[in-house]
Amino acid sequence: MSIAIENFVKNIYHFRQRNDGLCKIGKLAKKLKVSNAAATDMARKLSRKGLLDYEKYRGISLTEDGYSLAIKVIRKHRLWETFLYKNFGMSLHEVHIEAEGLEHSTSDFLAEKLNKYLGYPTIDPHGDPIPTAEGVVAIDNDFISLSKGEVGKTYKIVRLVSDDKDFLDFCADSDMLITHKLIVKKQHLASKMTEIEAADKKLIIHDNYSKLIHLHEYQ
């Protein structure tokens, strides 16, 4: 498959996971930085190939074959992110950018070698699940966002749900990475701010960021 096709189905998968609904052509075109017309043409082409279901004005969804292709690409992407983060000490944003290219030139054989070398990881450095070779994705729905954290409770960070450089740099600079702990000190509901303590630092985080930080209650 071409890089354009792989990116198309991958982004439809991401849209569905994060928005819980059909992917709209306009939003997909904006994400891929192409015109609405180009995105529509691609949707029609992939519909004929049996990779997605597309109906004008109703959005796009992946077929079983389209889903399988998207999962393969995502598996390779997240394995490379894990490798680059662990071995080269690259930032969370840097590993994402580099993996965007590597995912398309990696065979299934190499992906499995990479998986074995890394010790069969289940999540990448952002906390995103790494699909198995069989296409199984362990989705974690047992979380709350920082914006919903209870005052006085201690939580463990389990996922950073964004590829935005400013957000990821902020989390790294604030020592708020996956597996790290934080305490919710106060919720400022009117201003949509959450006051926390993490790594002996006191921070006030706006809802724009706090809703992207997923937590489990620390046991």
N, C-alpha and C. Protein backbone atom coordinates (compact mmCIF):
# COMPACT_ATOMS: atom_id res chain seq x y z
N MET A 1 0.84 -1.20 0.00
CA MET A 1 0.00 0.00 0.00
C MET A 1 0.87 1.26 0.00
N SER A 2 0.38 2.31 -0.59
CA SER A 2 1.13 3.56 -0.63
C SER A 2 1.09 4.25 0.72
N ILE A 3 2.03 5.18 0.92
CA ILE A 3 2.08 5.95 2.17
C ILE A 3 0.79 6.73 2.35
N ALA A 4 0.27 7.30 1.26
CA ALA A 4 -0.96 8.10 1.34
C ALA A 4 -2.13 7.26 1.83
N ILE A 5 -2.25 6.04 1.33
CA ILE A 5 -3.34 5.16 1.75
C ILE A 5 -3.18 4.78 3.22
N GLU A 6 -1.96 4.42 3.61
CA GLU A 6 -1.72 4.04 5.00
C GLU A 6 -2.03 5.19 5.95
N ASN A 7 -1.62 6.40 5.59
CA ASN A 7 -1.90 7.56 6.44
C ASN A 7 -3.40 7.85 6.50
N PHE A 8 -4.09 7.62 5.41
CA PHE A 8 -5.52 7.89 5.35
C PHE A 8 -6.28 6.98 6.32
N VAL A 9 -6.04 5.67 6.23
CA VAL A 9 -6.77 4.75 7.10
C VAL A 9 -6.33 4.89 8.56
N LYS A 10 -5.06 5.19 8.78
CA LYS A 10 -4.56 5.37 10.14
C LYS A 10 -5.26 6.55 10.82
N ASN A 11 -5.41 7.63 10.09
CA ASN A 11 -6.03 8.81 10.69
C ASN A 11 -7.54 8.64 10.89
N ILE A 12 -8.18 7.86 10.05
CA ILE A 12 -9.59 7.54 10.29
C ILE A 12 -9.72 6.76 11.59
N TYR A 13 -8.81 5.80 11.80
CA TYR A 13 -8.82 5.03 13.06
C TYR A 13 -8.65 5.95 14.26
N HIS A 14 -7.66 6.85 14.20
CA HIS A 14 -7.41 7.76 15.32
C HIS A 14 -8.62 8.65 15.58
N PHE A 15 -9.22 9.15 14.52
CA PHE A 15 -10.38 10.02 14.67
C PHE A 15 -11.50 9.28 15.39
N ARG A 16 -11.75 8.05 15.00
CA ARG A 16 -12.83 7.26 15.61
C ARG A 16 -12.54 7.01 17.08
N GLN A 17 -11.28 6.71 17.41
CA GLN A 17 -10.92 6.42 18.79
C GLN A 17 -11.07 7.64 19.68
N ARG A 18 -10.76 8.81 19.17
CA ARG A 18 -10.75 10.01 20.01
C ARG A 18 -12.03 10.81 19.96
N ASN A 19 -12.87 10.55 18.96
CA ASN A 19 -14.09 11.34 18.82
C ASN A 19 -15.37 10.52 18.92
N ASP A 20 -15.21 9.19 18.94
CA ASP A 20 -16.35 8.29 19.13
C ASP A 20 -17.47 8.56 18.12
N GLY A 21 -17.11 8.53 16.87
CA GLY A 21 -18.11 8.74 15.84
C GLY A 21 -17.53 8.59 14.46
N LEU A 22 -18.34 8.81 13.42
CA LEU A 22 -17.85 8.74 12.06
C LEU A 22 -16.89 9.89 11.77
N CYS A 23 -15.88 9.60 10.98
CA CYS A 23 -14.90 10.61 10.60
C CYS A 23 -15.47 11.45 9.45
N LYS A 24 -15.42 12.75 9.58
CA LYS A 24 -15.92 13.66 8.56
C LYS A 24 -14.79 14.05 7.60
N ILE A 25 -15.13 14.18 6.33
CA ILE A 25 -14.14 14.49 5.30
C ILE A 25 -13.38 15.78 5.62
N GLY A 26 -14.09 16.82 6.04
CA GLY A 26 -13.45 18.10 6.30
C GLY A 26 -12.38 18.02 7.37
N LYS A 27 -12.69 17.34 8.46
CA LYS A 27 -11.73 17.22 9.56
C LYS A 27 -10.54 16.35 9.16
N LEU A 28 -10.80 15.30 8.41
CA LEU A 28 -9.72 14.43 7.94
C LEU A 28 -8.81 15.18 6.98
N ALA A 29 -9.40 15.95 6.07
CA ALA A 29 -8.61 16.73 5.12
C ALA A 29 -7.71 17.73 5.85
N LYS A 30 -8.25 18.37 6.88
CA LYS A 30 -7.46 19.33 7.66
C LYS A 30 -6.29 18.64 8.36
N LYS A 31 -6.53 17.46 8.92
CA LYS A 31 -5.47 16.71 9.61
C LYS A 31 -4.37 16.31 8.63
N LEU A 32 -4.76 15.87 7.44
CA LEU A 32 -3.80 15.40 6.44
C LEU A 32 -3.21 16.55 5.61
N LYS A 33 -3.73 17.76 5.82
CA LYS A 33 -3.26 18.95 5.10
C LYS A 33 -3.45 18.81 3.59
N VAL A 34 -4.65 18.35 3.22
CA VAL A 34 -5.03 18.26 1.81
C VAL A 34 -6.38 18.94 1.64
N SER A 35 -6.79 19.15 0.40
CA SER A 35 -8.08 19.78 0.15
C SER A 35 -9.21 18.79 0.42
N ASN A 36 -10.41 19.33 0.64
CA ASN A 36 -11.58 18.47 0.82
C ASN A 36 -11.81 17.60 -0.42
N ALA A 37 -11.55 18.17 -1.58
CA ALA A 37 -11.75 17.43 -2.82
C ALA A 37 -10.79 16.24 -2.91
N ALA A 38 -9.52 16.47 -2.52
CA ALA A 38 -8.53 15.38 -2.55
C ALA A 38 -8.90 14.28 -1.57
N ALA A 39 -9.37 14.68 -0.38
CA ALA A 39 -9.77 13.69 0.62
C ALA A 39 -10.99 12.90 0.15
N THR A 40 -11.92 13.58 -0.51
CA THR A 40 -13.11 12.90 -1.03
C THR A 40 -12.74 11.90 -2.11
N ASP A 41 -11.81 12.29 -3.00
CA ASP A 41 -11.36 11.38 -4.06
C ASP A 41 -10.70 10.14 -3.46
N MET A 42 -9.89 10.35 -2.43
CA MET A 42 -9.22 9.21 -1.78
C MET A 42 -10.25 8.31 -1.10
N ALA A 43 -11.23 8.90 -0.45
CA ALA A 43 -12.27 8.11 0.21
C ALA A 43 -13.02 7.24 -0.79
N ARG A 44 -13.34 7.80 -1.93
CA ARG A 44 -14.04 7.03 -2.97
C ARG A 44 -13.16 5.90 -3.49
N LYS A 45 -11.87 6.20 -3.68
CA LYS A 45 -10.93 5.19 -4.17
C LYS A 45 -10.80 4.03 -3.18
N LEU A 46 -10.67 4.35 -1.90
CA LEU A 46 -10.49 3.31 -0.90
C LEU A 46 -11.79 2.55 -0.62
N SER A 47 -12.90 3.22 -0.89
CA SER A 47 -14.19 2.54 -0.78
C SER A 47 -14.29 1.45 -1.85
N ARG A 48 -13.82 1.76 -3.06
CA ARG A 48 -13.83 0.78 -4.14
C ARG A 48 -12.88 -0.38 -3.86
N LYS A 49 -11.80 -0.08 -3.11
CA LYS A 49 -10.84 -1.13 -2.74
C LYS A 49 -11.32 -1.97 -1.56
N GLY A 50 -12.43 -1.57 -0.96
CA GLY A 50 -12.95 -2.32 0.16
C GLY A 50 -12.29 -2.01 1.49
N LEU A 51 -11.61 -0.86 1.58
CA LEU A 51 -10.91 -0.50 2.82
C LEU A 51 -11.75 0.38 3.74
N LEU A 52 -12.77 1.02 3.19
CA LEU A 52 -13.64 1.85 4.03
C LEU A 52 -15.03 1.97 3.44
N ASP A 53 -15.95 2.37 4.30
CA ASP A 53 -17.32 2.67 3.87
C ASP A 53 -17.46 4.18 3.81
N TYR A 54 -17.86 4.68 2.67
CA TYR A 54 -18.01 6.12 2.50
C TYR A 54 -19.33 6.43 1.82
N GLU A 55 -20.07 7.33 2.41
CA GLU A 55 -21.30 7.82 1.81
C GLU A 55 -21.32 9.33 1.99
N LYS A 56 -21.54 10.04 0.91
CA LYS A 56 -21.50 11.50 0.93
C LYS A 56 -22.39 12.07 2.03
N TYR A 57 -21.84 13.02 2.78
CA TYR A 57 -22.50 13.73 3.88
C TYR A 57 -22.68 12.87 5.15
N ARG A 58 -22.25 11.61 5.12
CA ARG A 58 -22.45 10.75 6.29
C ARG A 58 -21.14 10.35 6.97
N GLY A 59 -20.02 10.73 6.39
CA GLY A 59 -18.75 10.42 7.03
C GLY A 59 -18.16 9.10 6.55
N ILE A 60 -17.04 8.72 7.19
CA ILE A 60 -16.26 7.56 6.75
C ILE A 60 -16.05 6.62 7.93
N SER A 61 -16.09 5.33 7.65
CA SER A 61 -15.72 4.32 8.64
C SER A 61 -14.90 3.24 7.96
N LEU A 62 -14.04 2.59 8.70
CA LEU A 62 -13.18 1.55 8.15
C LEU A 62 -13.92 0.23 8.04
N THR A 63 -13.65 -0.49 6.97
CA THR A 63 -14.11 -1.86 6.88
C THR A 63 -13.16 -2.74 7.69
N GLU A 64 -13.42 -4.01 7.72
CA GLU A 64 -12.53 -4.94 8.44
C GLU A 64 -11.12 -4.91 7.85
N ASP A 65 -11.03 -4.88 6.53
CA ASP A 65 -9.71 -4.82 5.88
C ASP A 65 -9.02 -3.48 6.15
N GLY A 66 -9.80 -2.42 6.13
CA GLY A 66 -9.23 -1.10 6.41
C GLY A 66 -8.73 -1.00 7.84
N TYR A 67 -9.50 -1.55 8.75
CA TYR A 67 -9.10 -1.56 10.16
C TYR A 67 -7.80 -2.35 10.35
N SER A 68 -7.69 -3.50 9.70
CA SER A 68 -6.50 -4.34 9.82
C SER A 68 -5.26 -3.60 9.31
N LEU A 69 -5.41 -2.88 8.19
CA LEU A 69 -4.30 -2.12 7.64
C LEU A 69 -3.89 -1.00 8.59
N ALA A 70 -4.86 -0.28 9.13
CA ALA A 70 -4.57 0.81 10.07
C ALA A 70 -3.83 0.29 11.30
N ILE A 71 -4.27 -0.84 11.83
CA ILE A 71 -3.65 -1.39 13.03
C ILE A 71 -2.20 -1.80 12.76
N LYS A 72 -1.94 -2.36 11.58
CA LYS A 72 -0.56 -2.74 11.23
C LYS A 72 0.36 -1.52 11.23
N VAL A 73 -0.11 -0.44 10.63
CA VAL A 73 0.69 0.79 10.56
C VAL A 73 0.91 1.36 11.96
N ILE A 74 -0.13 1.38 12.77
CA ILE A 74 -0.04 1.92 14.13
C ILE A 74 0.90 1.08 14.98
N ARG A 75 0.86 -0.24 14.82
CA ARG A 75 1.77 -1.13 15.56
C ARG A 75 3.23 -0.77 15.27
N LYS A 76 3.55 -0.61 14.01
CA LYS A 76 4.93 -0.28 13.63
C LYS A 76 5.32 1.10 14.14
N HIS A 77 4.41 2.04 14.04
CA HIS A 77 4.67 3.40 14.55
C HIS A 77 5.02 3.38 16.03
N ARG A 78 4.23 2.69 16.82
CA ARG A 78 4.42 2.71 18.27
C ARG A 78 5.62 1.88 18.71
N LEU A 79 5.95 0.85 17.95
CA LEU A 79 7.17 0.11 18.24
C LEU A 79 8.40 0.99 17.99
N TRP A 80 8.38 1.74 16.89
CA TRP A 80 9.50 2.63 16.61
C TRP A 80 9.60 3.76 17.63
N GLU A 81 8.47 4.29 18.06
CA GLU A 81 8.50 5.32 19.10
C GLU A 81 9.18 4.78 20.36
N THR A 82 8.83 3.57 20.73
CA THR A 82 9.40 2.95 21.93
C THR A 82 10.89 2.74 21.76
N PHE A 83 11.31 2.27 20.61
CA PHE A 83 12.73 2.04 20.34
C PHE A 83 13.51 3.35 20.41
N LEU A 84 13.04 4.38 19.74
CA LEU A 84 13.76 5.66 19.69
C LEU A 84 13.82 6.33 21.06
N TYR A 85 12.76 6.20 21.82
CA TYR A 85 12.71 6.80 23.15
C TYR A 85 13.68 6.11 24.10
N LYS A 86 13.68 4.79 24.06
CA LYS A 86 14.52 4.02 24.99
C LYS A 86 16.00 4.04 24.61
N ASN A 87 16.28 3.99 23.32
CA ASN A 87 17.66 3.84 22.87
C ASN A 87 18.37 5.14 22.53
N PHE A 88 17.63 6.13 22.09
CA PHE A 88 18.26 7.39 21.67
C PHE A 88 17.92 8.56 22.57
N GLY A 89 17.02 8.35 23.54
CA GLY A 89 16.67 9.42 24.46
C GLY A 89 16.00 10.60 23.79
N MET A 90 15.31 10.35 22.69
CA MET A 90 14.64 11.44 21.97
C MET A 90 13.39 11.88 22.73
N SER A 91 12.94 13.08 22.47
CA SER A 91 11.75 13.61 23.15
C SER A 91 10.49 12.92 22.65
N LEU A 92 9.40 13.09 23.39
CA LEU A 92 8.14 12.46 23.02
C LEU A 92 7.65 12.95 21.66
N HIS A 93 7.89 14.20 21.35
CA HIS A 93 7.48 14.72 20.05
C HIS A 93 8.42 14.23 18.95
N GLU A 94 9.71 14.20 19.22
CA GLU A 94 10.68 13.75 18.22
C GLU A 94 10.43 12.31 17.80
N VAL A 95 10.15 11.43 18.77
CA VAL A 95 9.93 10.03 18.41
C VAL A 95 8.69 9.88 17.53
N HIS A 96 7.69 10.71 17.78
CA HIS A 96 6.47 10.66 16.97
C HIS A 96 6.77 11.06 15.53
N ILE A 97 7.51 12.13 15.34
CA ILE A 97 7.83 12.63 14.01
C ILE A 97 8.65 11.59 13.24
N GLU A 98 9.66 11.02 13.87
CA GLU A 98 10.51 10.05 13.19
C GLU A 98 9.75 8.76 12.87
N ALA A 99 8.90 8.34 13.78
CA ALA A 99 8.13 7.11 13.56
C ALA A 99 7.14 7.27 12.42
N GLU A 100 6.70 8.51 12.14
CA GLU A 100 5.78 8.76 11.04
C GLU A 100 6.38 8.29 9.71
N GLY A 101 7.70 8.41 9.57
CA GLY A 101 8.35 7.95 8.35
C GLY A 101 8.71 6.48 8.39
N LEU A 102 9.21 6.03 9.52
CA LEU A 102 9.68 4.65 9.64
C LEU A 102 8.55 3.63 9.52
N GLU A 103 7.35 4.00 9.96
CA GLU A 103 6.24 3.05 9.96
C GLU A 103 5.92 2.52 8.56
N HIS A 104 6.18 3.30 7.53
CA HIS A 104 5.81 2.93 6.17
C HIS A 104 6.85 2.04 5.48
N SER A 105 8.08 2.04 5.99
CA SER A 105 9.15 1.26 5.35
C SER A 105 9.52 0.02 6.17
N THR A 106 8.69 -0.33 7.13
CA THR A 106 8.97 -1.46 8.02
C THR A 106 8.10 -2.65 7.65
N SER A 107 8.75 -3.77 7.37
CA SER A 107 8.01 -4.99 7.05
C SER A 107 7.44 -5.60 8.33
N ASP A 108 6.49 -6.51 8.17
CA ASP A 108 5.95 -7.22 9.33
C ASP A 108 7.05 -8.02 10.01
N PHE A 109 7.97 -8.58 9.21
CA PHE A 109 9.09 -9.35 9.76
C PHE A 109 9.97 -8.48 10.66
N LEU A 110 10.33 -7.29 10.17
CA LEU A 110 11.17 -6.39 10.97
C LEU A 110 10.43 -5.91 12.21
N ALA A 111 9.14 -5.65 12.09
CA ALA A 111 8.35 -5.21 13.24
C ALA A 111 8.39 -6.24 14.35
N GLU A 112 8.31 -7.51 13.98
CA GLU A 112 8.35 -8.56 15.00
C GLU A 112 9.74 -8.68 15.62
N LYS A 113 10.80 -8.48 14.84
CA LYS A 113 12.16 -8.46 15.38
C LYS A 113 12.32 -7.30 16.36
N LEU A 114 11.77 -6.17 16.00
CA LEU A 114 11.83 -4.98 16.86
C LEU A 114 11.06 -5.23 18.16
N ASN A 115 9.91 -5.85 18.03
CA ASN A 115 9.08 -6.17 19.19
C ASN A 115 9.84 -7.07 20.16
N LYS A 116 10.49 -8.10 19.63
CA LYS A 116 11.27 -9.03 20.46
C LYS A 116 12.44 -8.32 21.13
N TYR A 117 13.16 -7.48 20.37
CA TYR A 117 14.30 -6.74 20.91
C TYR A 117 13.89 -5.86 22.08
N LEU A 118 12.71 -5.27 21.98
CA LEU A 118 12.22 -4.35 23.01
C LEU A 118 11.62 -5.08 24.22
N GLY A 119 11.49 -6.40 24.12
CA GLY A 119 10.93 -7.15 25.24
C GLY A 119 9.41 -7.21 25.23
N TYR A 120 8.81 -7.14 24.04
CA TYR A 120 7.36 -7.24 23.86
C TYR A 120 6.60 -6.19 24.68
N PRO A 121 6.87 -4.91 24.43
CA PRO A 121 6.18 -3.84 25.17
C PRO A 121 4.70 -3.81 24.83
N THR A 122 3.90 -3.38 25.78
CA THR A 122 2.45 -3.28 25.56
C THR A 122 1.99 -1.84 25.34
N ILE A 123 2.81 -0.87 25.73
CA ILE A 123 2.48 0.54 25.51
C ILE A 123 3.71 1.28 24.99
N ASP A 124 3.47 2.39 24.30
CA ASP A 124 4.57 3.23 23.83
C ASP A 124 4.87 4.32 24.85
N PRO A 125 5.83 5.21 24.59
CA PRO A 125 6.20 6.22 25.60
C PRO A 125 5.09 7.22 25.95
N HIS A 126 4.05 7.30 25.12
CA HIS A 126 2.92 8.18 25.42
C HIS A 126 1.84 7.46 26.21
N GLY A 127 2.02 6.13 26.39
CA GLY A 127 1.01 5.33 27.06
C GLY A 127 -0.01 4.73 26.12
N ASP A 128 0.17 4.94 24.81
CA ASP A 128 -0.75 4.36 23.83
C ASP A 128 -0.50 2.86 23.70
N PRO A 129 -1.55 2.06 23.58
CA PRO A 129 -1.36 0.60 23.48
C PRO A 129 -0.71 0.21 22.16
N ILE A 130 0.21 -0.74 22.21
CA ILE A 130 0.85 -1.27 21.01
C ILE A 130 0.07 -2.51 20.56
N PRO A 131 -0.55 -2.47 19.38
CA PRO A 131 -1.30 -3.64 18.92
C PRO A 131 -0.40 -4.86 18.79
N THR A 132 -0.97 -6.04 19.00
CA THR A 132 -0.22 -7.27 18.79
C THR A 132 -0.12 -7.56 17.30
N ALA A 133 0.71 -8.54 16.95
CA ALA A 133 0.86 -8.93 15.54
C ALA A 133 -0.46 -9.44 14.98
N GLU A 134 -1.33 -9.93 15.87
CA GLU A 134 -2.64 -10.43 15.44
C GLU A 134 -3.68 -9.32 15.34
N GLY A 135 -3.29 -8.09 15.69
CA GLY A 135 -4.20 -6.96 15.56
C GLY A 135 -5.04 -6.67 16.79
N VAL A 136 -4.68 -7.26 17.91
CA VAL A 136 -5.43 -7.03 19.15
C VAL A 136 -4.92 -5.74 19.81
N VAL A 137 -5.84 -4.87 20.17
CA VAL A 137 -5.49 -3.61 20.83
C VAL A 137 -6.13 -3.59 22.22
N ALA A 138 -5.30 -3.51 23.24
CA ALA A 138 -5.81 -3.50 24.62
C ALA A 138 -6.21 -2.08 25.01
N ILE A 139 -7.44 -1.71 24.71
CA ILE A 139 -7.93 -0.37 25.01
C ILE A 139 -8.24 -0.24 26.50
N ASP A 140 -7.69 0.79 27.12
CA ASP A 140 -7.92 1.05 28.54
C ASP A 140 -9.01 2.10 28.70
N ASN A 141 -10.17 1.68 29.16
CA ASN A 141 -11.25 2.63 29.42
C ASN A 141 -11.42 2.93 30.91
N ASP A 142 -10.56 2.35 31.71
CA ASP A 142 -10.64 2.51 33.17
C ASP A 142 -9.72 3.64 33.61
N PHE A 143 -10.00 4.84 33.15
CA PHE A 143 -9.16 5.98 33.47
C PHE A 143 -10.05 7.20 33.70
N ILE A 144 -9.46 8.23 34.27
CA ILE A 144 -10.10 9.55 34.30
C ILE A 144 -9.09 10.55 33.78
N SER A 145 -9.56 11.66 33.28
CA SER A 145 -8.64 12.72 32.87
C SER A 145 -8.30 13.56 34.09
N LEU A 146 -7.17 14.23 34.03
CA LEU A 146 -6.75 15.08 35.13
C LEU A 146 -7.79 16.14 35.45
N SER A 147 -8.50 16.60 34.45
CA SER A 147 -9.53 17.62 34.68
C SER A 147 -10.67 17.11 35.56
N LYS A 148 -10.78 15.78 35.70
CA LYS A 148 -11.83 15.17 36.53
C LYS A 148 -11.27 14.57 37.82
N GLY A 149 -10.01 14.79 38.09
CA GLY A 149 -9.38 14.20 39.27
C GLY A 149 -9.96 14.74 40.57
N GLU A 150 -10.04 13.87 41.56
CA GLU A 150 -10.60 14.27 42.86
C GLU A 150 -9.53 14.91 43.74
N VAL A 151 -9.91 16.00 44.37
CA VAL A 151 -8.99 16.74 45.23
C VAL A 151 -8.51 15.85 46.38
N GLY A 152 -7.20 15.85 46.61
CA GLY A 152 -6.61 15.09 47.69
C GLY A 152 -6.14 13.71 47.29
N LYS A 153 -6.53 13.24 46.12
CA LYS A 153 -6.15 11.89 45.71
C LYS A 153 -4.83 11.89 44.92
N THR A 154 -4.12 10.77 45.03
CA THR A 154 -2.88 10.57 44.29
C THR A 154 -3.17 9.68 43.09
N TYR A 155 -2.63 10.07 41.94
CA TYR A 155 -2.86 9.33 40.71
C TYR A 155 -1.55 9.00 40.01
N LYS A 156 -1.61 8.00 39.15
CA LYS A 156 -0.49 7.65 38.28
C LYS A 156 -0.87 8.01 36.85
N ILE A 157 0.04 8.66 36.15
CA ILE A 157 -0.20 9.02 34.76
C ILE A 157 -0.06 7.78 33.88
N VAL A 158 -1.09 7.51 33.07
CA VAL A 158 -1.06 6.31 32.23
C VAL A 158 -1.07 6.63 30.73
N ARG A 159 -1.41 7.87 30.38
CA ARG A 159 -1.44 8.18 28.94
C ARG A 159 -1.43 9.68 28.72
N LEU A 160 -0.71 10.10 27.70
CA LEU A 160 -0.68 11.50 27.25
C LEU A 160 -1.28 11.51 25.85
N VAL A 161 -2.50 12.02 25.73
CA VAL A 161 -3.28 11.81 24.51
C VAL A 161 -3.16 13.00 23.55
N SER A 162 -1.97 13.19 23.00
CA SER A 162 -1.77 14.24 22.01
C SER A 162 -0.40 14.08 21.39
N ASP A 163 -0.26 14.53 20.14
CA ASP A 163 1.06 14.58 19.52
C ASP A 163 1.54 16.03 19.37
N ASP A 164 0.86 16.95 20.06
CA ASP A 164 1.22 18.37 20.01
C ASP A 164 2.54 18.62 20.72
N LYS A 165 3.47 19.27 20.06
CA LYS A 165 4.81 19.49 20.61
C LYS A 165 4.78 20.30 21.89
N ASP A 166 4.02 21.37 21.93
CA ASP A 166 3.97 22.22 23.13
C ASP A 166 3.45 21.44 24.33
N PHE A 167 2.42 20.64 24.12
CA PHE A 167 1.86 19.84 25.20
C PHE A 167 2.87 18.81 25.70
N LEU A 168 3.50 18.08 24.78
CA LEU A 168 4.45 17.04 25.18
C LEU A 168 5.69 17.63 25.85
N ASP A 169 6.15 18.77 25.35
CA ASP A 169 7.30 19.43 25.98
C ASP A 169 6.94 19.91 27.39
N PHE A 170 5.74 20.42 27.55
CA PHE A 170 5.28 20.86 28.87
C PHE A 170 5.27 19.68 29.85
N CYS A 171 4.73 18.55 29.41
CA CYS A 171 4.67 17.37 30.29
C CYS A 171 6.08 16.90 30.67
N ALA A 172 6.98 16.88 29.70
CA ALA A 172 8.35 16.44 29.98
C ALA A 172 9.06 17.42 30.92
N ASP A 173 8.92 18.71 30.66
CA ASP A 173 9.56 19.73 31.50
C ASP A 173 9.00 19.73 32.92
N SER A 174 7.73 19.32 33.05
CA SER A 174 7.07 19.29 34.36
C SER A 174 7.21 17.94 35.05
N ASP A 175 7.97 17.03 34.42
CA ASP A 175 8.17 15.67 34.95
C ASP A 175 6.83 14.94 35.11
N MET A 176 5.96 15.13 34.13
CA MET A 176 4.67 14.44 34.12
C MET A 176 4.65 13.47 32.95
N LEU A 177 5.29 12.32 33.15
CA LEU A 177 5.38 11.29 32.12
C LEU A 177 4.64 10.05 32.61
N ILE A 178 4.40 9.10 31.72
CA ILE A 178 3.64 7.92 32.13
C ILE A 178 4.37 7.18 33.24
N THR A 179 3.61 6.63 34.14
CA THR A 179 4.00 5.94 35.38
C THR A 179 4.32 6.92 36.51
N HIS A 180 4.49 8.22 36.21
CA HIS A 180 4.79 9.19 37.27
C HIS A 180 3.52 9.52 38.07
N LYS A 181 3.73 9.94 39.31
CA LYS A 181 2.63 10.24 40.22
C LYS A 181 2.37 11.74 40.31
N LEU A 182 1.13 12.06 40.65
CA LEU A 182 0.77 13.44 40.95
C LEU A 182 -0.37 13.46 41.96
N ILE A 183 -0.51 14.56 42.65
CA ILE A 183 -1.57 14.75 43.63
C ILE A 183 -2.43 15.93 43.18
N VAL A 184 -3.73 15.73 43.14
CA VAL A 184 -4.64 16.82 42.80
C VAL A 184 -4.89 17.65 44.05
N LYS A 185 -4.52 18.91 43.99
CA LYS A 185 -4.64 19.80 45.16
C LYS A 185 -5.93 20.61 45.15
N LYS A 186 -6.35 21.03 43.95
CA LYS A 186 -7.57 21.83 43.88
C LYS A 186 -8.09 21.86 42.45
N GLN A 187 -9.42 21.87 42.32
CA GLN A 187 -10.05 22.05 41.01
C GLN A 187 -10.71 23.42 40.98
N HIS A 188 -10.24 24.29 40.08
CA HIS A 188 -10.81 25.62 39.91
C HIS A 188 -11.83 25.53 38.77
N LEU A 189 -13.05 25.18 39.11
CA LEU A 189 -14.05 24.87 38.10
C LEU A 189 -14.40 26.06 37.22
N ALA A 190 -14.50 27.23 37.82
CA ALA A 190 -14.90 28.42 37.06
C ALA A 190 -13.89 28.76 35.97
N SER A 191 -12.62 28.64 36.30
CA SER A 191 -11.57 28.99 35.33
C SER A 191 -11.03 27.77 34.59
N LYS A 192 -11.61 26.60 34.87
CA LYS A 192 -11.19 25.34 34.23
C LYS A 192 -9.70 25.08 34.43
N MET A 193 -9.26 25.24 35.66
CA MET A 193 -7.87 25.00 36.02
C MET A 193 -7.79 23.89 37.07
N THR A 194 -6.74 23.09 36.98
CA THR A 194 -6.48 22.05 37.97
C THR A 194 -5.13 22.32 38.62
N GLU A 195 -5.14 22.39 39.94
CA GLU A 195 -3.90 22.62 40.69
C GLU A 195 -3.38 21.28 41.18
N ILE A 196 -2.10 20.99 40.86
CA ILE A 196 -1.53 19.69 41.23
C ILE A 196 -0.15 19.86 41.86
N GLU A 197 0.32 18.76 42.43
CA GLU A 197 1.71 18.67 42.88
C GLU A 197 2.31 17.43 42.22
N ALA A 198 3.41 17.62 41.50
CA ALA A 198 4.08 16.53 40.81
C ALA A 198 5.58 16.71 40.92
N ALA A 199 6.25 15.68 41.40
CA ALA A 199 7.72 15.73 41.57
C ALA A 199 8.14 16.96 42.35
N ASP A 200 7.43 17.23 43.45
CA ASP A 200 7.71 18.36 44.34
C ASP A 200 7.51 19.72 43.67
N LYS A 201 6.82 19.73 42.55
CA LYS A 201 6.49 20.99 41.89
C LYS A 201 4.99 21.23 41.99
N LYS A 202 4.61 22.47 42.21
CA LYS A 202 3.20 22.84 42.22
C LYS A 202 2.87 23.51 40.89
N LEU A 203 1.85 22.99 40.22
CA LEU A 203 1.49 23.47 38.90
C LEU A 203 -0.01 23.73 38.82
N ILE A 204 -0.37 24.70 37.99
CA ILE A 204 -1.77 24.94 37.69
C ILE A 204 -1.94 24.73 36.18
N ILE A 205 -2.80 23.78 35.82
CA ILE A 205 -2.91 23.34 34.43
C ILE A 205 -4.30 23.62 33.89
N HIS A 206 -4.38 24.24 32.73
CA HIS A 206 -5.68 24.54 32.12
C HIS A 206 -6.30 23.27 31.56
N ASP A 207 -7.61 23.30 31.45
CA ASP A 207 -8.37 22.17 30.93
C ASP A 207 -7.91 21.73 29.54
N ASN A 208 -7.39 22.65 28.75
CA ASN A 208 -6.90 22.30 27.41
C ASN A 208 -5.85 21.21 27.47
N TYR A 209 -5.05 21.23 28.54
CA TYR A 209 -4.02 20.21 28.73
C TYR A 209 -4.49 19.10 29.68
N SER A 210 -5.17 19.48 30.75
CA SER A 210 -5.50 18.48 31.77
C SER A 210 -6.43 17.39 31.25
N LYS A 211 -7.25 17.70 30.26
CA LYS A 211 -8.14 16.68 29.70
C LYS A 211 -7.38 15.68 28.84
N LEU A 212 -6.14 16.01 28.48
CA LEU A 212 -5.31 15.12 27.66
C LEU A 212 -4.41 14.21 28.49
N ILE A 213 -4.46 14.39 29.80
CA ILE A 213 -3.63 13.58 30.70
C ILE A 213 -4.52 12.56 31.39
N HIS A 214 -4.33 11.28 31.07
CA HIS A 214 -5.17 10.22 31.60
C HIS A 214 -4.51 9.58 32.82
N LEU A 215 -5.33 9.25 33.79
CA LEU A 215 -4.83 8.80 35.09
C LEU A 215 -5.52 7.54 35.58
N HIS A 216 -4.78 6.78 36.39
CA HIS A 216 -5.36 5.75 37.24
C HIS A 216 -5.14 6.17 38.69
N GLU A 217 -6.06 5.84 39.54
CA GLU A 217 -5.85 6.13 40.96
C GLU A 217 -4.67 5.31 41.46
N TYR A 218 -3.77 5.94 42.18
CA TYR A 218 -2.55 5.26 42.64
C TYR A 218 -2.88 4.34 43.82
N GLN A 219 -2.46 3.10 43.69
CA GLN A 219 -2.72 2.11 44.74
C GLN A 219 -1.47 1.92 45.61
